[in-house]
Protein backbone atom coordinates (compact mmCIF):
# COMPACT_ATOMS: atom_id res chain seq x y z
CA MET A 1 -45.43 117.24 18.04
CA LYS A 2 -44.91 113.52 17.54
CA ASN A 3 -41.67 111.53 17.40
CA ILE A 4 -41.08 109.87 14.05
CA GLY A 5 -40.52 106.12 13.84
CA TRP A 6 -36.80 106.42 13.29
CA ILE A 7 -33.92 108.84 13.88
CA LYS A 8 -30.80 109.48 11.88
CA ASP A 9 -27.72 108.02 13.52
CA PRO A 10 -25.43 109.68 14.29
CA LEU A 11 -26.81 113.18 14.76
CA THR A 12 -24.39 115.77 13.40
CA ALA A 13 -23.52 119.20 14.74
CA SER A 14 -25.10 120.82 11.69
CA ASP A 15 -28.54 119.52 12.61
CA SER A 16 -30.37 122.26 14.53
CA PHE A 17 -33.68 123.70 15.55
CA THR A 18 -34.39 127.44 15.22
CA ILE A 19 -37.04 128.92 17.54
CA LYS A 20 -38.20 132.51 17.04
CA SER A 21 -40.66 134.78 18.83
CA GLY A 22 -42.71 137.52 17.18
CA LEU A 23 -45.87 139.64 17.37
CA SER A 24 -49.20 138.01 16.76
CA GLY A 25 -49.26 139.44 13.26
CA GLY A 26 -46.01 137.66 12.45
CA VAL A 27 -44.42 140.77 10.97
CA TYR A 28 -41.84 141.75 13.56
CA PHE A 29 -39.03 139.40 14.71
CA ILE A 30 -38.33 139.87 18.42
CA ASP A 31 -35.81 137.14 19.46
CA GLY A 32 -34.57 133.66 18.51
CA ILE A 33 -32.22 130.81 19.29
CA SER A 34 -30.59 128.10 17.20
CA SER A 35 -28.84 125.09 18.75
CA SER A 36 -27.71 121.58 17.93
CA ILE A 37 -30.20 118.79 18.32
CA SER A 38 -29.66 116.39 21.21
CA ALA A 39 -31.77 113.32 21.87
CA THR A 40 -32.45 112.49 25.52
CA PRO A 41 -31.99 108.85 26.53
CA THR A 42 -35.76 108.35 26.63
CA LEU A 43 -35.97 109.22 22.93
CA LEU A 44 -33.28 106.74 21.82
CA PRO A 45 -34.82 103.70 20.15
CA ASP A 46 -34.41 100.69 22.42
CA ALA A 47 -37.31 98.44 21.52
CA LEU A 48 -35.36 95.76 19.64
CA SER A 49 -34.99 93.10 22.33
CA TYR A 50 -32.74 90.13 22.83
CA ILE A 51 -34.78 87.33 24.36
CA ALA A 52 -33.34 84.58 26.55
CA PRO A 53 -30.82 83.11 26.07
CA GLU A 54 -29.93 86.21 23.92
CA ILE A 55 -26.90 84.70 22.09
CA THR A 56 -25.44 81.20 22.40
CA ARG A 57 -22.17 79.73 21.14
CA THR A 58 -21.45 76.05 20.58
CA SER A 59 -18.12 75.88 22.44
CA ASP A 60 -16.32 77.68 25.26
CA THR A 61 -12.82 76.51 24.25
CA VAL A 62 -10.38 79.12 23.00
CA ASP A 63 -9.66 79.34 19.27
CA VAL A 64 -12.15 76.71 18.07
CA LYS A 65 -14.82 77.03 15.38
CA ILE A 66 -18.21 77.94 16.80
CA ASP A 67 -21.76 78.63 15.69
CA LEU A 68 -23.58 81.65 17.11
CA THR A 69 -27.38 81.66 17.49
CA ILE A 70 -29.05 85.02 18.08
CA TYR A 71 -32.56 85.40 19.57
CA LEU A 72 -34.41 88.68 18.80
CA LYS A 73 -37.86 90.26 19.17
CA PHE A 74 -39.27 93.39 17.51
CA SER A 75 -40.97 94.88 20.57
CA SER A 76 -42.42 98.14 19.22
CA ASN A 77 -41.59 98.91 15.60
CA THR A 78 -41.72 96.93 12.39
CA LEU A 79 -38.89 96.36 9.92
CA SER A 80 -39.59 96.44 6.20
CA SER A 81 -38.27 93.83 3.79
CA ASP A 82 -35.60 96.22 2.49
CA GLY A 83 -34.41 97.21 5.96
CA TYR A 84 -31.44 95.54 7.66
CA LEU A 85 -29.98 94.58 11.02
CA LEU A 86 -26.52 95.67 12.18
CA MET A 87 -24.80 93.67 14.92
CA THR A 88 -21.90 95.45 16.68
CA ILE A 89 -19.55 93.19 18.63
CA PRO A 90 -16.78 94.34 21.02
CA ASP A 91 -13.21 93.48 20.06
CA ASP A 92 -11.81 90.08 21.10
CA VAL A 93 -15.16 88.27 21.29
CA VAL A 94 -15.76 86.57 17.92
CA TYR A 95 -13.01 86.04 15.33
CA ASP A 96 -13.12 85.73 11.57
CA MET A 97 -11.89 82.47 9.99
CA GLY A 98 -11.20 83.90 6.54
CA GLU A 99 -14.22 82.06 5.13
CA ASP A 100 -17.54 83.23 3.74
CA LEU A 101 -20.05 83.23 6.57
CA THR A 102 -23.04 80.91 6.46
CA VAL A 103 -25.95 82.80 8.01
CA THR A 104 -29.42 81.28 8.20
CA LEU A 105 -32.77 82.49 9.52
CA LEU A 106 -33.94 79.59 11.66
CA THR A 107 -37.42 81.10 12.09
CA ASN A 108 -37.99 81.02 8.32
CA ASN A 109 -37.18 77.45 7.26
CA SER A 110 -33.44 78.12 7.54
CA ALA A 111 -33.47 80.69 4.74
CA SER A 112 -30.03 82.12 3.88
CA ILE A 113 -29.28 85.73 4.82
CA ALA A 114 -26.92 87.96 2.86
CA THR A 115 -24.33 89.23 5.35
CA VAL A 116 -21.55 91.84 5.22
CA LYS A 117 -18.80 91.70 7.86
CA ALA A 118 -16.27 94.28 9.04
CA LEU A 119 -13.21 93.38 11.13
CA TYR A 120 -11.02 94.92 13.80
CA SER A 121 -7.27 94.98 13.15
CA SER A 122 -6.99 92.05 15.59
CA GLY A 123 -9.00 89.86 13.20
CA ALA A 124 -12.04 89.91 15.48
CA ILE A 125 -15.41 90.71 13.92
CA ASN A 126 -16.58 94.29 14.53
CA THR A 127 -19.94 94.38 12.74
CA LEU A 128 -22.24 92.00 10.89
CA ARG A 129 -24.89 93.50 8.61
CA PHE A 130 -27.82 91.17 7.96
CA ASN A 131 -29.77 92.08 4.82
CA SER A 132 -33.21 90.80 3.78
CA VAL A 133 -34.08 89.29 7.13
CA CYS A 134 -37.81 90.07 6.76
CA SER A 135 -40.34 88.77 4.24
CA ALA A 136 -42.04 90.95 1.64
CA SER A 137 -44.60 92.03 4.24
CA GLY A 138 -41.84 92.97 6.72
CA CYS A 139 -41.23 91.89 10.30
CA ALA A 140 -44.25 92.76 12.45
CA VAL A 141 -44.29 93.99 16.02
CA ASP A 142 -43.77 91.09 18.47
CA SER A 143 -42.27 88.90 15.74
CA LEU A 144 -39.26 86.75 16.66
CA LEU A 145 -36.04 86.14 14.76
CA ASN A 146 -33.51 83.37 15.36
CA ILE A 147 -30.33 83.86 13.34
CA LYS A 148 -27.52 81.29 13.11
CA VAL A 149 -24.00 82.40 12.15
CA GLU A 150 -21.42 79.80 11.09
CA TRP A 151 -17.68 79.93 10.19
CA VAL A 152 -16.58 82.10 13.09
CA LYS A 153 -14.36 81.12 16.03
CA ASN A 154 -13.58 81.95 19.64
CA PRO A 155 -10.68 84.25 20.59
CA PRO A 156 -7.20 82.67 20.50
CA SER A 157 -6.83 83.06 24.27
CA GLN A 158 -8.86 83.72 27.40
CA THR A 159 -10.30 87.23 27.59
CA THR A 160 -12.63 89.33 29.74
CA VAL A 161 -15.01 91.72 27.95
CA THR A 162 -17.18 94.00 30.09
CA THR A 163 -19.45 95.45 27.39
CA GLY A 164 -22.41 93.94 25.54
CA ILE A 165 -23.28 93.10 21.94
CA THR A 166 -25.63 95.55 20.22
CA MET A 167 -28.17 94.76 17.51
CA ALA A 168 -29.88 97.63 15.66
CA SER A 169 -32.53 97.77 12.94
CA TYR A 170 -32.28 100.30 10.10
CA THR A 171 -34.35 101.50 7.18
CA SER A 172 -32.92 100.94 3.71
CA ALA A 173 -31.80 104.60 3.75
CA GLY A 174 -29.71 104.02 6.89
CA TYR A 175 -32.02 105.51 9.52
CA LEU A 176 -31.94 103.84 12.93
CA ILE A 177 -35.26 102.30 13.97
CA ASP A 178 -34.58 100.30 17.13
CA GLN A 179 -31.65 98.82 19.01
CA GLY A 180 -30.95 96.51 21.91
CA THR A 181 -27.88 95.40 23.84
CA THR A 182 -27.08 92.10 25.54
CA ALA A 183 -25.70 91.61 28.98
CA THR A 184 -21.94 92.10 29.19
CA VAL A 185 -20.03 89.44 27.29
CA GLU A 186 -18.47 88.07 30.50
CA ASN A 187 -22.02 87.42 31.79
CA LEU A 188 -23.50 86.41 28.43
CA PHE A 189 -21.15 83.46 27.84
CA SER A 190 -19.42 80.99 30.11
CA ALA A 191 -15.74 81.72 30.70
CA LEU A 192 -13.42 80.54 27.95
CA GLU A 193 -11.40 77.44 28.74
CA ILE A 194 -7.94 76.67 27.47
CA ALA A 195 -7.60 73.75 25.08
CA PRO A 196 -6.32 70.42 26.39
CA VAL A 197 -2.87 69.04 25.64
CA SER A 198 -2.94 65.36 24.68
CA ASN A 199 -0.64 62.53 23.56
CA VAL A 200 1.98 63.64 26.08
CA ILE A 201 5.26 61.70 26.20
CA ILE A 202 7.97 62.57 28.76
CA ASP A 203 10.93 60.37 27.92
CA PRO A 204 14.43 60.64 29.44
CA GLU A 205 17.19 59.18 27.26
CA ASN A 206 18.61 57.64 30.43
CA PRO A 207 16.09 57.07 33.24
CA SER A 208 18.74 55.81 35.66
CA ALA A 209 19.00 57.35 39.09
CA ASN A 210 21.37 60.30 39.33
CA ALA A 211 21.97 60.32 35.54
CA ASP A 212 22.70 63.48 33.56
CA THR A 213 20.41 63.11 30.57
CA ASN A 214 18.35 64.75 27.85
CA TYR A 215 14.56 64.60 28.02
CA ASP A 216 12.16 64.32 25.07
CA VAL A 217 8.90 66.20 25.66
CA ILE A 218 6.25 65.43 23.04
CA PHE A 219 2.65 66.66 23.00
CA THR A 220 -0.32 67.61 20.85
CA ALA A 221 -2.34 70.77 21.48
CA ASP A 222 -5.99 70.24 20.52
CA THR A 223 -6.29 73.69 18.97
CA THR A 224 -4.52 75.94 16.46
CA ILE A 225 -1.50 77.69 17.98
CA PRO A 226 -0.82 81.28 16.80
CA GLN A 227 2.59 82.26 15.49
CA ASN A 228 5.23 83.19 18.09
CA SER A 229 3.39 81.51 20.95
CA TYR A 230 5.59 79.71 23.48
CA VAL A 231 5.61 76.67 25.76
CA VAL A 232 6.43 76.51 29.46
CA ILE A 233 7.39 73.07 30.79
CA THR A 234 7.50 72.68 34.56
CA ALA A 235 9.47 69.69 35.87
CA PRO A 236 8.91 67.90 39.18
CA THR A 237 10.97 69.35 42.02
CA SER A 238 13.06 66.16 42.13
CA ILE A 239 14.44 66.79 38.62
CA THR A 240 16.99 69.61 38.36
CA VAL A 241 19.25 71.22 35.78
CA SER A 242 22.51 69.30 35.53
CA THR A 243 25.78 71.03 36.37
CA ALA A 244 27.34 68.85 33.65
CA ASN A 245 26.05 71.31 31.02
CA SER A 246 28.92 73.35 29.57
CA GLY A 247 27.48 76.44 31.23
CA GLY A 248 26.65 74.60 34.44
CA ALA A 249 23.08 74.90 35.72
CA ALA A 250 22.60 78.28 34.01
CA ALA A 251 21.86 76.95 30.51
CA PHE A 252 21.10 73.74 28.63
CA ASP A 253 23.51 72.18 26.15
CA THR A 254 20.60 70.60 24.24
CA CYS A 255 17.52 72.44 22.98
CA SER A 256 16.22 71.09 19.67
CA ASN A 257 13.01 70.60 17.71
CA ILE A 258 12.43 66.84 17.44
CA PHE A 259 10.08 66.93 14.43
CA ALA A 260 11.55 69.90 12.54
CA SER A 261 15.29 69.86 13.06
CA THR A 262 15.85 72.85 10.74
CA VAL A 263 13.62 75.07 12.91
CA THR A 264 15.71 76.76 15.59
CA ILE A 265 14.19 76.96 19.06
CA ALA A 266 15.44 78.46 22.32
CA CYS A 267 15.11 77.12 25.87
CA SER A 268 15.45 79.43 28.87
CA ILE A 269 15.59 78.24 32.46
CA GLY A 270 13.39 79.63 35.22
CA SER A 271 11.79 78.43 38.43
CA SER A 272 8.33 78.26 39.99
CA GLY A 273 7.68 77.14 43.53
CA GLY A 274 11.06 75.44 43.73
CA ALA A 275 10.57 73.57 40.44
CA VAL A 276 12.58 74.06 37.24
CA THR A 277 10.65 75.71 34.39
CA VAL A 278 11.74 75.74 30.75
CA LYS A 279 10.36 78.39 28.39
CA VAL A 280 10.58 77.17 24.80
CA THR A 281 10.31 79.78 22.04
CA GLY A 282 10.42 79.35 18.27
CA LEU A 283 8.39 76.13 18.26
CA PHE A 284 5.46 77.75 16.43
CA PRO A 285 6.95 79.64 13.45
CA SER A 286 3.95 79.52 11.09
CA ALA A 287 0.89 81.78 11.02
CA THR A 288 -1.10 78.81 12.35
CA ASN A 289 0.41 75.69 13.93
CA THR A 290 -1.32 72.36 14.48
CA GLY A 291 -0.44 68.75 15.13
CA GLN A 292 2.25 67.15 17.24
CA PHE A 293 5.24 69.00 18.68
CA GLY A 294 8.38 67.79 20.38
CA VAL A 295 11.46 69.23 22.03
CA LYS A 296 14.67 67.60 23.25
CA ILE A 297 16.04 69.40 26.32
CA GLY A 298 19.06 68.73 28.51
CA LEU A 299 21.01 68.05 30.41
CA PHE A 300 18.71 67.42 33.36
CA LYS A 301 19.79 65.68 36.55
CA ASN A 302 17.65 62.70 37.53
CA PRO A 303 16.76 62.10 41.19
CA SER A 304 19.19 60.04 43.21
CA THR A 305 16.46 57.61 44.27
CA THR A 306 14.47 55.21 42.13
CA GLY A 307 10.70 55.25 41.69
CA ASP A 308 8.14 57.58 40.16
CA THR A 309 8.83 61.29 39.98
CA GLY A 310 6.16 63.93 40.46
CA THR A 311 4.17 65.15 37.47
CA PHE A 312 5.25 67.48 34.69
CA LYS A 313 3.17 70.46 33.59
CA ILE A 314 2.90 71.75 30.00
CA GLN A 315 1.40 75.17 29.23
CA ILE A 316 1.14 77.06 25.93
CA PHE A 317 0.85 80.85 25.94
CA SER A 318 0.03 83.37 23.23
CA PRO A 319 2.58 86.08 22.31
CA SER A 320 0.64 88.38 24.67
CA ASP A 321 1.14 85.87 27.52
CA ASN A 322 -2.46 84.59 27.59
CA PRO A 323 -2.87 80.82 28.22
CA ILE A 324 -4.01 78.85 25.16
CA ALA A 325 -3.61 75.19 26.16
CA GLY A 326 -2.19 73.17 29.00
CA LYS A 327 -2.15 70.04 31.10
CA ASP A 328 -0.69 68.59 34.28
CA VAL A 329 0.84 65.38 32.94
CA ASP A 330 -0.66 62.52 34.94
CA THR A 331 2.02 59.94 34.11
CA PRO A 332 5.27 60.48 36.04
CA VAL A 333 8.73 59.42 34.91
CA THR A 334 10.00 56.23 36.51
CA ILE A 335 13.61 56.46 37.69
CA VAL A 336 15.42 53.11 37.72
CA ASP A 337 18.71 51.61 38.83
CA PRO A 338 21.51 51.66 36.26
CA VAL A 339 22.29 48.39 34.45
CA SER A 340 25.89 47.31 33.87
CA THR A 341 25.20 44.78 31.07
CA CYS A 342 22.43 45.21 28.46
CA ASP A 343 20.70 42.60 26.32
CA SER A 344 22.43 41.99 23.00
CA ASN A 345 19.60 43.80 21.14
CA CYS A 346 20.13 47.06 23.05
CA LEU A 347 22.84 49.64 22.50
CA THR A 348 22.02 51.15 25.91
CA CYS A 349 19.49 50.17 28.57
CA SER A 350 18.26 51.02 32.06
CA GLY A 351 16.19 49.39 34.76
CA THR A 352 16.56 45.91 33.26
CA ALA A 353 18.89 44.44 30.67
CA THR A 354 16.03 44.18 28.13
CA SER A 355 14.63 47.70 28.68
CA CYS A 356 16.39 49.44 25.81
CA ASP A 357 17.08 53.18 25.71
CA SER A 358 18.64 52.94 22.23
CA CYS A 359 19.22 50.28 19.59
CA LYS A 360 22.25 49.03 17.72
CA SER A 361 22.69 50.24 14.16
CA PRO A 362 23.31 48.71 11.70
CA SER A 363 21.10 45.90 12.92
CA ASP A 364 18.05 43.87 11.90
CA ILE A 365 16.11 45.65 14.68
CA PRO A 366 17.47 49.23 14.68
CA PHE A 367 14.33 51.13 15.78
CA LEU A 368 13.26 51.82 19.37
CA GLN A 369 9.57 51.35 20.23
CA ASP A 370 8.38 51.35 23.85
CA ASP A 371 11.79 50.29 25.26
CA THR A 372 12.11 47.48 22.68
CA CYS A 373 14.21 47.29 19.51
CA VAL A 374 12.11 46.43 16.44
CA SER A 375 12.61 46.01 12.69
CA ALA A 376 9.67 48.31 11.82
CA CYS A 377 7.17 50.46 13.69
CA SER A 378 3.84 48.85 14.56
CA ASN A 379 0.47 50.13 13.37
CA GLY A 380 -0.38 53.32 15.23
CA TYR A 381 3.26 54.43 15.36
CA TYR A 382 5.47 56.45 13.03
CA LEU A 383 9.25 56.62 12.65
CA GLN A 384 11.31 59.69 13.55
CA ASP A 385 15.07 59.62 14.14
CA LYS A 386 15.15 55.82 14.67
CA THR A 387 12.37 55.99 17.28
CA CYS A 388 8.75 54.88 16.85
CA TYR A 389 6.33 57.45 18.26
CA LYS A 390 2.60 57.01 18.81
CA CYS A 391 0.39 58.63 16.19
CA HIS A 392 -1.98 61.48 17.01
CA HIS A 393 -5.27 60.23 18.50
CA SER A 394 -7.21 61.56 15.46
CA CYS A 395 -5.31 59.31 13.03
């Protein structure tokens, strides 16, 4: 007997061999057995090989668009022009972007490949079927294929996947020819990194020592934030929750969305290593959220001494508590001495008479920009609630 070049996958319980014994004349039936077929591991087709580096991706940052490049070799069997490849990917490895995939065969002058995708309920890609990957003469033994897949993205948060990615070749009738599996995903790719948080502004309304004040916390996450994600802001240990809040140190009086005042958010107080933490929910109400975000929180209690505070920390988590983006803010808040008399341009000030915290209105210079009252925001700034804020770095 000889094994055929392909097997049907999967084998069903109705497939069976029947073996009978009889006399040499073949007339009398003596005994027999019928049982389901089972293929031993040595018979399973495993000659479709990934070759180093197996599969590469263009970024290791969570939730960003990537290109995948796949490196294959037909080690033992050929694949006809009407056969196809089926790539099976574990959940939470590669996500769909809702776009038509662009798939090219780099080993054949970047020819386009017709591709059919199937998804998990999570939105991750389960299978990719690559049709017409071989020329009219087929893919010969020892031939190499490099396939590039575009318009996919990394998972929305850091994950660990301990299984590999399988590629299998099939006849046009759906019979399995060969298959191969990569190393486990955690060993195939570098670990995913959370996205950075940029354009951070930590701005107390009153930076005077020992003041009870609201803080503006403004930031940009350099990625798309999923709906119902949340932010955790960790303050320096020298800044505490003010007992001047109506509920004392148990709750803030102020918790508002700076850039979308009609969107209700919630701020809950916690602690970490002796520092106050603030969990902000409701800041990301849309299916996808991008751009600049800001929250006004208070009352906090400033330190009793002047000078620079420690650093703030901003972290963004998915609804399943996986980190998406974050940063230890390098610029501390500077606490200053209170000022009894402000410059005539300022409504309120701190540190010096000309360091304005707010501006008079009505006035010829009613807008606050970098501690100065101005008639209009400068280039690179935009106006929000009588304050000029720096534009996003991409603008």
